[in-house]
PDB file of all heavy atoms in Angstrom:
ATOM      1  N   PRO A   1      68.747  49.386  60.999  1.00  0.00           N
ATOM      2  CA  PRO A   1      67.396  49.101  60.502  1.00  0.00           C
ATOM      3  C   PRO A   1      66.349  48.896  61.588  1.00  0.00           C
ATOM      4  O   PRO A   1      65.177  49.220  61.391  1.00  0.00           O
ATOM      5  CB  PRO A   1      67.598  47.816  59.680  1.00  0.00           C
ATOM      6  CG  PRO A   1      69.035  47.840  59.282  1.00  0.00           C
ATOM      7  CD  PRO A   1      69.750  48.485  60.423  1.00  0.00           C
ATOM      8  N   SER A   2      66.752  48.382  62.751  1.00  0.00           N
ATOM      9  CA  SER A   2      65.788  48.073  63.813  1.00  0.00           C
ATOM     10  C   SER A   2      65.525  49.247  64.744  1.00  0.00           C
ATOM     11  O   SER A   2      64.733  49.128  65.676  1.00  0.00           O
ATOM     12  CB  SER A   2      66.297  46.881  64.638  1.00  0.00           C
ATOM     13  OG  SER A   2      67.541  47.199  65.252  1.00  0.00           O
ATOM     14  N   ASN A   3      66.175  50.390  64.504  1.00  0.00           N
ATOM     15  CA  ASN A   3      66.072  51.518  65.420  1.00  0.00           C
ATOM     16  C   ASN A   3      64.663  52.115  65.382  1.00  0.00           C
ATOM     17  O   ASN A   3      64.140  52.439  64.319  1.00  0.00           O
ATOM     18  CB  ASN A   3      67.097  52.582  65.055  1.00  0.00           C
ATOM     19  CG  ASN A   3      67.356  53.555  66.194  1.00  0.00           C
ATOM     20  OD1 ASN A   3      67.038  53.276  67.348  1.00  0.00           O
ATOM     21  ND2 ASN A   3      67.938  54.688  65.866  1.00  0.00           N
ATOM     22  N   VAL A   4      64.048  52.250  66.545  1.00  0.00           N
ATOM     23  CA  VAL A   4      62.686  52.782  66.658  1.00  0.00           C
ATOM     24  C   VAL A   4      62.722  54.043  67.509  1.00  0.00           C
ATOM     25  O   VAL A   4      63.351  54.069  68.568  1.00  0.00           O
ATOM     26  CB  VAL A   4      61.739  51.744  67.296  1.00  0.00           C
ATOM     27  CG1 VAL A   4      60.359  52.343  67.522  1.00  0.00           C
ATOM     28  CG2 VAL A   4      61.649  50.494  66.421  1.00  0.00           C
ATOM     29  N   TYR A   5      62.038  55.078  67.025  1.00  0.00           N
ATOM     30  CA  TYR A   5      61.911  56.314  67.814  1.00  0.00           C
ATOM     31  C   TYR A   5      60.529  56.341  68.454  1.00  0.00           C
ATOM     32  O   TYR A   5      59.522  56.555  67.792  1.00  0.00           O
ATOM     33  CB  TYR A   5      62.111  57.532  66.920  1.00  0.00           C
ATOM     34  CG  TYR A   5      61.912  58.854  67.634  1.00  0.00           C
ATOM     35  CD1 TYR A   5      62.628  59.150  68.786  1.00  0.00           C
ATOM     36  CD2 TYR A   5      61.007  59.800  67.155  1.00  0.00           C
ATOM     37  CE1 TYR A   5      62.457  60.354  69.445  1.00  0.00           C
ATOM     38  CE2 TYR A   5      60.833  61.014  67.802  1.00  0.00           C
ATOM     39  CZ  TYR A   5      61.557  61.280  68.950  1.00  0.00           C
ATOM     40  OH  TYR A   5      61.384  62.474  69.604  1.00  0.00           O
ATOM     41  N   ASN A   6      60.499  56.078  69.753  1.00  0.00           N
ATOM     42  CA  ASN A   6      59.238  56.097  70.486  1.00  0.00           C
ATOM     43  C   ASN A   6      59.530  56.467  71.937  1.00  0.00           C
ATOM     44  O   ASN A   6      59.643  55.596  72.796  1.00  0.00           O
ATOM     45  CB  ASN A   6      58.531  54.739  70.406  1.00  0.00           C
ATOM     46  CG  ASN A   6      57.127  54.775  70.983  1.00  0.00           C
ATOM     47  OD1 ASN A   6      56.749  55.749  71.647  1.00  0.00           O
ATOM     48  ND2 ASN A   6      56.343  53.748  70.733  1.00  0.00           N
ATOM     49  N   PRO A   7      59.676  57.769  72.222  1.00  0.00           N
ATOM     50  CA  PRO A   7      60.075  58.194  73.566  1.00  0.00           C
ATOM     51  C   PRO A   7      59.029  57.933  74.641  1.00  0.00           C
ATOM     52  O   PRO A   7      59.287  58.178  75.821  1.00  0.00           O
ATOM     53  CB  PRO A   7      60.327  59.704  73.384  1.00  0.00           C
ATOM     54  CG  PRO A   7      59.550  60.094  72.185  1.00  0.00           C
ATOM     55  CD  PRO A   7      59.531  58.905  71.298  1.00  0.00           C
ATOM     56  N   ARG A   8      57.852  57.441  74.264  1.00  0.00           N
ATOM     57  CA  ARG A   8      56.828  57.094  75.251  1.00  0.00           C
ATOM     58  C   ARG A   8      56.860  55.610  75.627  1.00  0.00           C
ATOM     59  O   ARG A   8      56.132  55.181  76.518  1.00  0.00           O
ATOM     60  CB  ARG A   8      55.444  57.457  74.721  1.00  0.00           C
ATOM     61  CG  ARG A   8      55.241  58.957  74.528  1.00  0.00           C
ATOM     62  CD  ARG A   8      53.813  59.287  74.152  1.00  0.00           C
ATOM     63  NE  ARG A   8      53.619  60.723  74.030  1.00  0.00           N
ATOM     64  CZ  ARG A   8      52.443  61.293  73.777  1.00  0.00           C
ATOM     65  NH1 ARG A   8      51.371  60.531  73.611  1.00  0.00           N
ATOM     66  NH2 ARG A   8      52.348  62.603  73.678  1.00  0.00           N
ATOM     67  N   ASN A   9      57.676  54.839  74.914  1.00  0.00           N
ATOM     68  CA  ASN A   9      57.779  53.403  75.181  1.00  0.00           C
ATOM     69  C   ASN A   9      59.112  53.121  75.884  1.00  0.00           C
ATOM     70  O   ASN A   9      60.168  53.316  75.290  1.00  0.00           O
ATOM     71  CB  ASN A   9      57.696  52.620  73.873  1.00  0.00           C
ATOM     72  CG  ASN A   9      57.662  51.115  74.094  1.00  0.00           C
ATOM     73  OD1 ASN A   9      58.212  50.591  75.059  1.00  0.00           O
ATOM     74  ND2 ASN A   9      57.019  50.401  73.187  1.00  0.00           N
ATOM     75  N   PRO A  10      59.064  52.667  77.158  1.00  0.00           N
ATOM     76  CA  PRO A  10      60.323  52.435  77.906  1.00  0.00           C
ATOM     77  C   PRO A  10      61.265  51.443  77.241  1.00  0.00           C
ATOM     78  O   PRO A  10      62.468  51.478  77.484  1.00  0.00           O
ATOM     79  CB  PRO A  10      59.829  51.901  79.257  1.00  0.00           C
ATOM     80  CG  PRO A  10      58.412  52.348  79.360  1.00  0.00           C
ATOM     81  CD  PRO A  10      57.879  52.364  77.969  1.00  0.00           C
ATOM     82  N   GLY A  11      60.735  50.566  76.383  1.00  0.00           N
ATOM     83  CA  GLY A  11      61.589  49.599  75.703  1.00  0.00           C
ATOM     84  C   GLY A  11      62.481  50.211  74.657  1.00  0.00           C
ATOM     85  O   GLY A  11      63.478  49.605  74.244  1.00  0.00           O
ATOM     86  N   TYR A  12      62.154  51.434  74.210  1.00  0.00           N
ATOM     87  CA  TYR A  12      62.954  52.110  73.189  1.00  0.00           C
ATOM     88  C   TYR A  12      63.691  53.322  73.734  1.00  0.00           C
ATOM     89  O   TYR A  12      64.229  54.130  72.976  1.00  0.00           O
ATOM     90  CB  TYR A  12      62.065  52.520  72.013  1.00  0.00           C
ATOM     91  CG  TYR A  12      61.413  51.350  71.326  1.00  0.00           C
ATOM     92  CD1 TYR A  12      60.029  51.193  71.343  1.00  0.00           C
ATOM     93  CD2 TYR A  12      62.178  50.387  70.681  1.00  0.00           C
ATOM     94  CE1 TYR A  12      59.427  50.111  70.725  1.00  0.00           C
ATOM     95  CE2 TYR A  12      61.589  49.305  70.055  1.00  0.00           C
ATOM     96  CZ  TYR A  12      60.205  49.169  70.079  1.00  0.00           C
ATOM     97  OH  TYR A  12      59.620  48.091  69.470  1.00  0.00           O
ATOM     98  N   ILE A  13      63.686  53.474  75.059  1.00  0.00           N
ATOM     99  CA  ILE A  13      64.483  54.513  75.711  1.00  0.00           C
ATOM    100  C   ILE A  13      65.692  53.839  76.330  1.00  0.00           C
ATOM    101  O   ILE A  13      65.564  53.025  77.252  1.00  0.00           O
ATOM    102  CB  ILE A  13      63.673  55.251  76.794  1.00  0.00           C
ATOM    103  CG1 ILE A  13      62.449  55.930  76.175  1.00  0.00           C
ATOM    104  CG2 ILE A  13      64.551  56.274  77.513  1.00  0.00           C
ATOM    105  CD1 ILE A  13      61.503  56.528  77.198  1.00  0.00           C
ATOM    106  N   TYR A  14      66.878  54.145  75.822  1.00  0.00           N
ATOM    107  CA  TYR A  14      68.094  53.458  76.256  1.00  0.00           C
ATOM    108  C   TYR A  14      68.837  54.306  77.279  1.00  0.00           C
ATOM    109  O   TYR A  14      69.182  55.458  77.031  1.00  0.00           O
ATOM    110  CB  TYR A  14      68.983  53.140  75.054  1.00  0.00           C
ATOM    111  CG  TYR A  14      68.309  52.210  74.071  1.00  0.00           C
ATOM    112  CD1 TYR A  14      68.044  52.614  72.768  1.00  0.00           C
ATOM    113  CD2 TYR A  14      67.895  50.950  74.465  1.00  0.00           C
ATOM    114  CE1 TYR A  14      67.416  51.772  71.867  1.00  0.00           C
ATOM    115  CE2 TYR A  14      67.263  50.096  73.571  1.00  0.00           C
ATOM    116  CZ  TYR A  14      67.018  50.505  72.281  1.00  0.00           C
ATOM    117  OH  TYR A  14      66.384  49.667  71.408  1.00  0.00           O
ATOM    118  N   THR A  15      69.062  53.710  78.439  1.00  0.00           N
ATOM    119  CA  THR A  15      69.658  54.430  79.566  1.00  0.00           C
ATOM    120  C   THR A  15      71.136  54.105  79.772  1.00  0.00           C
ATOM    121  O   THR A  15      71.792  54.742  80.599  1.00  0.00           O
ATOM    122  CB  THR A  15      68.886  54.099  80.853  1.00  0.00           C
ATOM    123  OG1 THR A  15      68.805  52.662  80.999  1.00  0.00           O
ATOM    124  CG2 THR A  15      67.468  54.653  80.792  1.00  0.00           C
ATOM    125  N   ALA A  16      71.651  53.110  79.057  1.00  0.00           N
ATOM    126  CA  ALA A  16      73.063  52.740  79.186  1.00  0.00           C
ATOM    127  C   ALA A  16      73.512  52.053  77.901  1.00  0.00           C
ATOM    128  O   ALA A  16      72.715  51.364  77.244  1.00  0.00           O
ATOM    129  CB  ALA A  16      73.282  51.811  80.383  1.00  0.00           C
ATOM    130  N   CYS A  17      74.777  52.245  77.535  1.00  0.00           N
ATOM    131  CA  CYS A  17      75.314  51.563  76.356  1.00  0.00           C
ATOM    132  C   CYS A  17      76.807  51.316  76.548  1.00  0.00           C
ATOM    133  O   CYS A  17      77.474  52.018  77.314  1.00  0.00           O
ATOM    134  CB  CYS A  17      75.049  52.347  75.081  1.00  0.00           C
ATOM    135  SG  CYS A  17      75.796  53.987  74.998  1.00  0.00           S
ATOM    136  N   HIS A  18      77.316  50.308  75.852  1.00  0.00           N
ATOM    137  CA  HIS A  18      78.740  49.973  75.940  1.00  0.00           C
ATOM    138  C   HIS A  18      79.126  49.151  74.713  1.00  0.00           C
ATOM    139  O   HIS A  18      78.359  48.303  74.255  1.00  0.00           O
ATOM    140  CB  HIS A  18      79.026  49.149  77.195  1.00  0.00           C
ATOM    141  CG  HIS A  18      80.381  49.416  77.788  1.00  0.00           C
ATOM    142  ND1 HIS A  18      81.554  49.205  77.082  1.00  0.00           N
ATOM    143  CD2 HIS A  18      80.758  49.883  78.996  1.00  0.00           C
ATOM    144  CE1 HIS A  18      82.582  49.519  77.854  1.00  0.00           C
ATOM    145  NE2 HIS A  18      82.134  49.943  79.007  1.00  0.00           N
ATOM    146  N   PHE A  19      80.329  49.418  74.174  1.00  0.00           N
ATOM    147  CA  PHE A  19      80.835  48.677  73.022  1.00  0.00           C
ATOM    148  C   PHE A  19      81.744  47.526  73.457  1.00  0.00           C
ATOM    149  O   PHE A  19      82.446  47.621  74.465  1.00  0.00           O
ATOM    150  CB  PHE A  19      81.652  49.585  72.106  1.00  0.00           C
ATOM    151  CG  PHE A  19      80.876  50.208  70.988  1.00  0.00           C
ATOM    152  CD1 PHE A  19      80.567  51.557  71.021  1.00  0.00           C
ATOM    153  CD2 PHE A  19      80.461  49.454  69.899  1.00  0.00           C
ATOM    154  CE1 PHE A  19      79.863  52.144  69.987  1.00  0.00           C
ATOM    155  CE2 PHE A  19      79.754  50.037  68.860  1.00  0.00           C
ATOM    156  CZ  PHE A  19      79.453  51.379  68.898  1.00  0.00           C
ATOM    157  N   LEU A  20      81.713  46.466  72.646  1.00  0.00           N
ATOM    158  CA  LEU A  20      82.681  45.371  72.724  1.00  0.00           C
ATOM    159  C   LEU A  20      83.299  45.181  71.345  1.00  0.00           C
ATOM    160  O   LEU A  20      82.624  45.373  70.317  1.00  0.00           O
ATOM    161  CB  LEU A  20      81.990  44.061  73.121  1.00  0.00           C
ATOM    162  CG  LEU A  20      81.613  43.837  74.576  1.00  0.00           C
ATOM    163  CD1 LEU A  20      80.682  42.628  74.683  1.00  0.00           C
ATOM    164  CD2 LEU A  20      82.855  43.629  75.428  1.00  0.00           C
ATOM    165  N   HIS A  21      84.576  44.797  71.319  1.00  0.00           N
ATOM    166  CA  HIS A  21      85.216  44.438  70.060  1.00  0.00           C
ATOM    167  C   HIS A  21      85.947  43.114  70.258  1.00  0.00           C
ATOM    168  O   HIS A  21      86.824  43.009  71.114  1.00  0.00           O
ATOM    169  CB  HIS A  21      86.205  45.508  69.602  1.00  0.00           C
ATOM    170  CG  HIS A  21      86.898  45.164  68.329  1.00  0.00           C
ATOM    171  ND1 HIS A  21      88.239  44.831  68.261  1.00  0.00           N
ATOM    172  CD2 HIS A  21      86.425  45.063  67.057  1.00  0.00           C
ATOM    173  CE1 HIS A  21      88.562  44.575  67.009  1.00  0.00           C
ATOM    174  NE2 HIS A  21      87.495  44.707  66.259  1.00  0.00           N
ATOM    175  N   PHE A  22      85.541  42.098  69.472  1.00  0.00           N
ATOM    176  CA  PHE A  22      86.193  40.791  69.531  1.00  0.00           C
ATOM    177  C   PHE A  22      87.346  40.781  68.536  1.00  0.00           C
ATOM    178  O   PHE A  22      87.136  40.890  67.322  1.00  0.00           O
ATOM    179  CB  PHE A  22      85.194  39.677  69.218  1.00  0.00           C
ATOM    180  CG  PHE A  22      84.194  39.434  70.313  1.00  0.00           C
ATOM    181  CD1 PHE A  22      83.001  40.140  70.359  1.00  0.00           C
ATOM    182  CD2 PHE A  22      84.461  38.502  71.311  1.00  0.00           C
ATOM    183  CE1 PHE A  22      82.080  39.917  71.373  1.00  0.00           C
ATOM    184  CE2 PHE A  22      83.541  38.280  72.333  1.00  0.00           C
ATOM    185  CZ  PHE A  22      82.352  38.984  72.363  1.00  0.00           C
ATOM    186  N   GLU A  23      88.548  40.663  69.083  1.00  0.00           N
ATOM    187  CA  GLU A  23      89.765  40.800  68.288  1.00  0.00           C
ATOM    188  C   GLU A  23      89.841  39.771  67.166  1.00  0.00           C
ATOM    189  O   GLU A  23      90.114  40.110  66.010  1.00  0.00           O
ATOM    190  CB  GLU A  23      90.973  40.659  69.228  1.00  0.00           C
ATOM    191  CG  GLU A  23      92.309  40.873  68.582  1.00  0.00           C
ATOM    192  CD  GLU A  23      93.431  40.710  69.597  1.00  0.00           C
ATOM    193  OE1 GLU A  23      93.619  39.592  70.116  1.00  0.00           O
ATOM    194  OE2 GLU A  23      94.106  41.712  69.863  1.00  0.00           O
ATOM    195  N   GLN A  24      89.592  38.496  67.480  1.00  0.00           N
ATOM    196  CA  GLN A  24      89.770  37.429  66.496  1.00  0.00           C
ATOM    197  C   GLN A  24      88.803  37.566  65.324  1.00  0.00           C
ATOM    198  O   GLN A  24      89.191  37.439  64.158  1.00  0.00           O
ATOM    199  CB  GLN A  24      89.583  36.058  67.162  1.00  0.00           C
ATOM    200  CG  GLN A  24      89.833  34.884  66.228  1.00  0.00           C
ATOM    201  CD  GLN A  24      89.776  33.555  66.973  1.00  0.00           C
ATOM    202  OE1 GLN A  24      89.349  33.488  68.111  1.00  0.00           O
ATOM    203  NE2 GLN A  24      90.220  32.493  66.318  1.00  0.00           N
ATOM    204  N   ALA A  25      87.540  37.842  65.621  1.00  0.00           N
ATOM    205  CA  ALA A  25      86.524  37.945  64.574  1.00  0.00           C
ATOM    206  C   ALA A  25      86.413  39.356  64.005  1.00  0.00           C
ATOM    207  O   ALA A  25      85.660  39.574  63.049  1.00  0.00           O
ATOM    208  CB  ALA A  25      85.171  37.508  65.128  1.00  0.00           C
ATOM    209  N   ASP A  26      87.154  40.316  64.586  1.00  0.00           N
ATOM    210  CA  ASP A  26      87.022  41.728  64.235  1.00  0.00           C
ATOM    211  C   ASP A  26      85.544  42.128  64.250  1.00  0.00           C
ATOM    212  O   ASP A  26      85.029  42.748  63.323  1.00  0.00           O
ATOM    213  CB  ASP A  26      87.632  42.016  62.863  1.00  0.00           C
ATOM    214  CG  ASP A  26      87.771  43.525  62.598  1.00  0.00           C
ATOM    215  OD1 ASP A  26      87.837  44.300  63.586  1.00  0.00           O
ATOM    216  OD2 ASP A  26      87.785  43.916  61.417  1.00  0.00           O
ATOM    217  N   GLN A  27      84.868  41.732  65.333  1.00  0.00           N
ATOM    218  CA  GLN A  27      83.425  41.931  65.455  1.00  0.00           C
ATOM    219  C   GLN A  27      83.102  42.997  66.491  1.00  0.00           C
ATOM    220  O   GLN A  27      83.544  42.912  67.635  1.00  0.00           O
ATOM    221  CB  GLN A  27      82.754  40.606  65.858  1.00  0.00           C
ATOM    222  CG  GLN A  27      81.251  40.681  66.013  1.00  0.00           C
ATOM    223  CD  GLN A  27      80.563  41.000  64.703  1.00  0.00           C
ATOM    224  OE1 GLN A  27      80.585  40.213  63.775  1.00  0.00           O
ATOM    225  NE2 GLN A  27      79.975  42.181  64.618  1.00  0.00           N
ATOM    226  N   TYR A  28      82.323  43.996  66.069  1.00  0.00           N
ATOM    227  CA  TYR A  28      81.881  45.060  66.968  1.00  0.00           C
ATOM    228  C   TYR A  28      80.467  44.752  67.452  1.00  0.00           C
ATOM    229  O   TYR A  28      79.572  44.474  66.647  1.00  0.00           O
ATOM    230  CB  TYR A  28      81.878  46.415  66.266  1.00  0.00           C
ATOM    231  CG  TYR A  28      83.253  46.941  65.929  1.00  0.00           C
ATOM    232  CD1 TYR A  28      83.854  46.640  64.715  1.00  0.00           C
ATOM    233  CD2 TYR A  28      83.950  47.743  66.830  1.00  0.00           C
ATOM    234  CE1 TYR A  28      85.119  47.124  64.400  1.00  0.00           C
ATOM    235  CE2 TYR A  28      85.218  48.227  66.522  1.00  0.00           C
ATOM    236  CZ  TYR A  28      85.795  47.911  65.307  1.00  0.00           C
ATOM    237  OH  TYR A  28      87.039  48.395  65.002  1.00  0.00           O
ATOM    238  N   ILE A  29      80.278  44.812  68.769  1.00  0.00           N
ATOM    239  CA  ILE A  29      78.978  44.587  69.393  1.00  0.00           C
ATOM    240  C   ILE A  29      78.655  45.810  70.253  1.00  0.00           C
ATOM    241  O   ILE A  29      79.493  46.258  71.045  1.00  0.00           O
ATOM    242  CB  ILE A  29      78.973  43.337  70.294  1.00  0.00           C
ATOM    243  CG1 ILE A  29      79.419  42.094  69.517  1.00  0.00           C
ATOM    244  CG2 ILE A  29      77.603  43.130  70.941  1.00  0.00           C
ATOM    245  CD1 ILE A  29      78.448  41.631  68.469  1.00  0.00           C
ATOM    246  N   LEU A  30      77.438  46.340  70.089  1.00  0.00           N
ATOM    247  CA  LEU A  30      76.970  47.425  70.952  1.00  0.00           C
ATOM    248  C   LEU A  30      75.908  46.877  71.893  1.00  0.00           C
ATOM    249  O   LEU A  30      74.909  46.308  71.452  1.00  0.00           O
ATOM    250  CB  LEU A  30      76.388  48.566  70.119  1.00  0.00           C
ATOM    251  CG  LEU A  30      75.809  49.747  70.907  1.00  0.00           C
ATOM    252  CD1 LEU A  30      76.866  50.398  71.784  1.00  0.00           C
ATOM    253  CD2 LEU A  30      75.171  50.763  69.967  1.00  0.00           C
ATOM    254  N   LEU A  31      76.150  47.023  73.193  1.00  0.00           N
ATOM    255  CA  LEU A  31      75.196  46.604  74.218  1.00  0.00           C
ATOM    256  C   LEU A  31      74.340  47.796  74.613  1.00  0.00           C
ATOM    257  O   LEU A  31      74.853  48.905  74.804  1.00  0.00           O
ATOM    258  CB  LEU A  31      75.940  46.088  75.453  1.00  0.00           C
ATOM    259  CG  LEU A  31      76.811  44.861  75.261  1.00  0.00           C
ATOM    260  CD1 LEU A  31      77.894  44.810  76.328  1.00  0.00           C
ATOM    261  CD2 LEU A  31      75.968  43.596  75.322  1.00  0.00           C
ATOM    262  N   LEU A  32      73.034  47.560  74.777  1.00  0.00           N
ATOM    263  CA  LEU A  32      72.096  48.621  75.122  1.00  0.00           C
ATOM    264  C   LEU A  32      71.220  48.172  76.288  1.00  0.00           C
ATOM    265  O   LEU A  32      70.665  47.065  76.270  1.00  0.00           O
ATOM    266  CB  LEU A  32      71.195  48.956  73.929  1.00  0.00           C
ATOM    267  CG  LEU A  32      71.882  49.536  72.686  1.00  0.00           C
ATOM    268  CD1 LEU A  32      70.941  49.466  71.492  1.00  0.00           C
ATOM    269  CD2 LEU A  32      72.319  50.967  72.935  1.00  0.00           C
ATOM    270  N   GLY A  33      71.089  49.021  77.287  1.00  0.00           N
ATOM    271  CA  GLY A  33      70.177  48.775  78.400  1.00  0.00           C
ATOM    272  C   GLY A  33      69.034  49.759  78.343  1.00  0.00           C
ATOM    273  O   GLY A  33      69.252  50.953  78.110  1.00  0.00           O
ATOM    274  N   SER A  34      67.803  49.294  78.549  1.00  0.00           N
ATOM    275  CA  SER A  34      66.641  50.146  78.354  1.00  0.00           C
ATOM    276  C   SER A  34      65.973  50.529  79.663  1.00  0.00           C
ATOM    277  O   SER A  34      66.282  50.003  80.732  1.00  0.00           O
ATOM    278  CB  SER A  34      65.623  49.456  77.444  1.00  0.00           C
ATOM    279  OG  SER A  34      64.955  48.436  78.151  1.00  0.00           O
ATOM    280  N   GLN A  35      64.998  51.419  79.546  1.00  0.00           N
ATOM    281  CA  GLN A  35      64.268  51.908  80.710  1.00  0.00           C
ATOM    282  C   GLN A  35      63.348  50.834  81.294  1.00  0.00           C
ATOM    283  O   GLN A  35      62.938  50.928  82.444  1.00  0.00           O
ATOM    284  CB  GLN A  35      63.461  53.153  80.324  1.00  0.00           C
ATOM    285  CG  GLN A  35      63.080  54.039  81.495  1.00  0.00           C
ATOM    286  CD  GLN A  35      62.449  55.332  81.030  1.00  0.00           C
ATOM    287  OE1 GLN A  35      61.417  55.331  80.371  1.00  0.00           O
ATOM    288  NE2 GLN A  35      63.072  56.455  81.368  1.00  0.00           N
ATOM    289  N   ASN A  36      63.002  49.806  80.505  1.00  0.00           N
ATOM    290  CA  ASN A  36      62.146  48.735  81.029  1.00  0.00           C
ATOM    291  C   ASN A  36      62.941  47.496  81.443  1.00  0.00           C
ATOM    292  O   ASN A  36      62.372  46.432  81.655  1.00  0.00           O
ATOM    293  CB  ASN A  36      61.067  48.356  80.015  1.00  0.00           C
ATOM    294  CG  ASN A  36      61.617  47.589  78.817  1.00  0.00           C
ATOM    295  OD1 ASN A  36      62.836  47.517  78.619  1.00  0.00           O
ATOM    296  ND2 ASN A  36      60.745  47.024  78.003  1.00  0.00           N
ATOM    297  N   GLY A  37      64.254  47.638  81.557  1.00  0.00           N
ATOM    298  CA  GLY A  37      65.096  46.563  82.057  1.00  0.00           C
ATOM    299  C   GLY A  37      65.638  45.607  81.019  1.00  0.00           C
ATOM    300  O   GLY A  37      66.372  44.674  81.356  1.00  0.00           O
TER     301      GLY A  37
END
């Protein structure tokens, strides 16, 4: 729902991503790094 398409805004250009999965909670987390840090 929060995904924004704005290729002119560095805050919405993601340059790195990585998944985490917490075994006990069966929780998936996606980490995102952007062009504005």
